[in-house]
């Protein structure tokens, strides 16, 4: 099995090297349609997202219609066709977080970052998204930056939190 993107290795690879690695992954999975989701997961790890050119490459190599690849990519929310920032900021807008000020957190983050939900800052540092629950309801509102959860957040704490990632 191909060794894929440990220690951010893929960030330093050229496009040609990424496509060569993807070709190896597809071959390792025997080009089987039943392995498509796993191949797409690995592909997203390699490229960071699944643009049309990459989807076409997979379709051609696996002898599948591009519509099949596109259908899977758009069905699962894990997959993205747009590049994401280094830091994914997820704002919880589940009931507890929303009632305790989650909407105000979102408004302030949009202002601080200069982006809307689903967008990425120009420097590719931050992507802003909404989630419905993080399981931190007792300490709402909550946000997550990549894997770190911040609880009992208020708009005044956001600049200090973001400073850690700049």
Protein backbone atom coordinates (compact mmCIF):
# COMPACT_ATOMS: atom_id res chain seq x y z
CA UNK A 1 0.00 0.00 0.00
CA UNK A 2 1.31 3.48 -0.87
CA UNK A 3 2.61 5.59 2.01
CA UNK A 4 0.37 8.64 1.95
CA UNK A 5 1.03 12.13 3.27
CA UNK A 6 2.59 11.62 6.67
CA UNK A 7 3.90 14.74 8.43
CA UNK A 8 2.37 17.05 5.77
CA UNK A 9 4.57 15.45 3.09
CA UNK A 10 1.98 16.04 0.38
CA UNK A 11 2.09 19.82 0.88
CA UNK A 12 5.65 19.75 -0.45
CA UNK A 13 4.92 17.51 -3.45
CA UNK A 14 4.56 18.79 -7.01
CA UNK A 15 1.31 18.20 -8.91
CA UNK A 16 3.06 15.53 -11.01
CA UNK A 17 4.18 13.72 -7.85
CA UNK A 18 0.67 13.93 -6.39
CA UNK A 19 -0.90 12.42 -9.52
CA UNK A 20 1.76 9.68 -9.54
CA UNK A 21 0.96 8.88 -5.92
CA UNK A 22 -2.77 8.87 -6.69
CA UNK A 23 -2.16 6.47 -9.59
CA UNK A 24 -0.31 4.18 -7.18
CA UNK A 25 -3.18 4.37 -4.66
CA UNK A 26 -5.77 3.51 -7.31
CA UNK A 27 -3.68 0.52 -8.40
CA UNK A 28 -3.17 -0.57 -4.76
CA UNK A 29 -6.96 -0.67 -4.42
CA UNK A 30 -7.23 -2.75 -7.61
CA UNK A 31 -9.26 -0.02 -9.37
CA UNK A 32 -12.39 -1.52 -7.77
CA UNK A 33 -15.51 0.62 -7.56
CA UNK A 34 -16.18 -0.83 -4.10
CA UNK A 35 -13.00 0.96 -2.93
CA UNK A 36 -14.00 4.36 -4.36
CA UNK A 37 -14.77 6.06 -1.04
CA UNK A 38 -11.44 4.98 0.45
CA UNK A 39 -9.63 6.15 -2.68
CA UNK A 40 -11.40 9.52 -2.44
CA UNK A 41 -10.42 9.86 1.24
CA UNK A 42 -6.79 9.26 0.39
CA UNK A 43 -7.02 11.54 -2.63
CA UNK A 44 -8.32 14.37 -0.48
CA UNK A 45 -5.40 13.79 1.90
CA UNK A 46 -3.00 14.08 -1.04
CA UNK A 47 -4.51 17.13 -2.77
CA UNK A 48 -6.34 18.77 0.14
CA UNK A 49 -9.56 18.81 -1.90
CA UNK A 50 -11.13 17.10 -4.93
CA UNK A 51 -11.12 19.45 -7.93
CA UNK A 52 -12.66 18.44 -11.26
CA UNK A 53 -9.26 17.55 -12.76
CA UNK A 54 -8.59 15.07 -9.97
CA UNK A 55 -12.07 13.57 -10.23
CA UNK A 56 -11.59 13.13 -13.99
CA UNK A 57 -8.25 11.42 -13.39
CA UNK A 58 -9.87 8.97 -10.96
CA UNK A 59 -12.77 8.30 -13.33
CA UNK A 60 -10.39 7.58 -16.21
CA UNK A 61 -8.07 5.35 -14.17
CA UNK A 62 -10.95 3.39 -12.63
CA UNK A 63 -12.95 3.25 -15.87
CA UNK A 64 -15.95 4.87 -14.19
CA UNK A 65 -18.20 7.67 -15.45
CA UNK A 66 -17.24 11.08 -14.06
CA UNK A 67 -20.84 11.40 -12.84
CA UNK A 68 -20.24 8.45 -10.49
CA UNK A 69 -17.22 10.16 -8.93
CA UNK A 70 -18.99 13.51 -8.73
CA UNK A 71 -22.06 11.92 -7.18
CA UNK A 72 -20.05 10.38 -4.35
CA UNK A 73 -18.03 13.57 -3.79
CA UNK A 74 -21.13 15.76 -3.54
CA UNK A 75 -23.12 13.27 -1.45
CA UNK A 76 -20.66 13.02 1.45
CA UNK A 77 -20.04 16.25 3.39
CA UNK A 78 -16.51 15.09 4.29
CA UNK A 79 -15.40 15.67 0.70
CA UNK A 80 -14.76 19.14 -0.64
CA UNK A 81 -14.23 20.44 -4.15
CA UNK A 82 -12.73 23.71 -2.89
CA UNK A 83 -9.39 24.11 -1.09
CA UNK A 84 -9.67 24.58 2.66
CA UNK A 85 -7.51 26.60 4.99
CA UNK A 86 -4.81 25.22 7.24
CA UNK A 87 -7.16 25.76 10.18
CA UNK A 88 -10.81 24.74 9.94
CA UNK A 89 -12.93 26.75 12.37
CA UNK A 90 -16.18 24.99 13.17
CA UNK A 91 -18.80 27.01 15.01
CA UNK A 92 -21.43 24.99 16.83
CA UNK A 93 -24.94 26.23 16.13
CA UNK A 94 -26.75 23.34 17.78
CA UNK A 95 -29.58 24.29 20.12
CA UNK A 96 -27.53 24.80 23.32
CA UNK A 97 -24.77 26.74 21.57
CA UNK A 98 -27.20 28.82 19.54
CA UNK A 99 -29.26 29.78 22.60
CA UNK A 100 -26.11 30.70 24.54
CA UNK A 101 -24.67 32.99 21.86
CA UNK A 102 -23.37 30.83 19.04
CA UNK A 103 -24.82 33.20 16.46
CA UNK A 104 -22.87 36.10 18.00
CA UNK A 105 -19.69 34.00 17.81
CA UNK A 106 -20.34 33.41 14.12
CA UNK A 107 -20.96 37.12 13.43
CA UNK A 108 -17.71 38.10 15.19
CA UNK A 109 -15.65 35.42 13.40
CA UNK A 110 -16.99 36.58 10.03
CA UNK A 111 -15.94 40.12 10.94
CA UNK A 112 -12.47 39.13 12.23
CA UNK A 113 -11.68 36.83 9.30
CA UNK A 114 -13.43 38.80 6.56
CA UNK A 115 -15.13 35.67 5.20
CA UNK A 116 -18.54 34.02 5.27
CA UNK A 117 -19.51 30.46 6.18
CA UNK A 118 -17.97 27.98 3.75
CA UNK A 119 -15.25 30.41 2.66
CA UNK A 120 -11.50 30.44 3.17
CA UNK A 121 -9.30 33.43 3.87
CA UNK A 122 -7.13 34.62 0.97
CA UNK A 123 -3.96 33.49 2.76
CA UNK A 124 -5.46 29.95 2.97
CA UNK A 125 -5.09 30.02 6.75
CA UNK A 126 -8.72 29.75 7.93
CA UNK A 127 -11.92 28.14 6.66
CA UNK A 128 -15.17 28.88 8.48
CA UNK A 129 -17.93 26.30 8.79
CA UNK A 130 -21.01 25.48 10.87
CA UNK A 131 -21.62 22.25 12.75
CA UNK A 132 -24.77 21.23 14.60
CA UNK A 133 -23.25 19.65 17.72
CA UNK A 134 -19.80 19.07 19.22
CA UNK A 135 -21.00 17.35 22.38
CA UNK A 136 -19.96 20.32 24.54
CA UNK A 137 -23.51 21.45 25.30
CA UNK A 138 -22.96 21.97 29.03
CA UNK A 139 -20.19 24.49 28.27
CA UNK A 140 -21.82 26.17 25.28
CA UNK A 141 -21.16 28.01 23.09
CA UNK A 142 -18.28 26.07 21.57
CA UNK A 143 -16.01 26.29 18.55
CA UNK A 144 -13.45 23.83 17.21
CA UNK A 145 -10.26 24.72 15.38
CA UNK A 146 -9.09 21.57 13.65
CA UNK A 147 -9.22 19.09 16.55
CA UNK A 148 -9.10 21.51 19.51
CA UNK A 149 -12.45 22.43 21.09
CA UNK A 150 -12.91 25.77 22.86
CA UNK A 151 -15.80 25.88 25.32
CA UNK A 152 -17.69 28.77 26.93
CA UNK A 153 -16.53 31.04 24.13
CA UNK A 154 -17.70 34.61 23.84
CA UNK A 155 -17.01 37.16 21.09
CA UNK A 156 -14.40 38.93 23.27
CA UNK A 157 -12.28 35.75 23.49
CA UNK A 158 -12.12 35.15 19.75
CA UNK A 159 -9.24 37.47 18.88
CA UNK A 160 -7.09 35.87 21.60
CA UNK A 161 -7.97 32.39 20.37
CA UNK A 162 -7.20 33.25 16.73
CA UNK A 163 -3.86 34.83 17.71
CA UNK A 164 -2.60 31.33 18.61
CA UNK A 165 -2.97 30.31 14.95
CA UNK A 166 -1.47 33.32 13.17
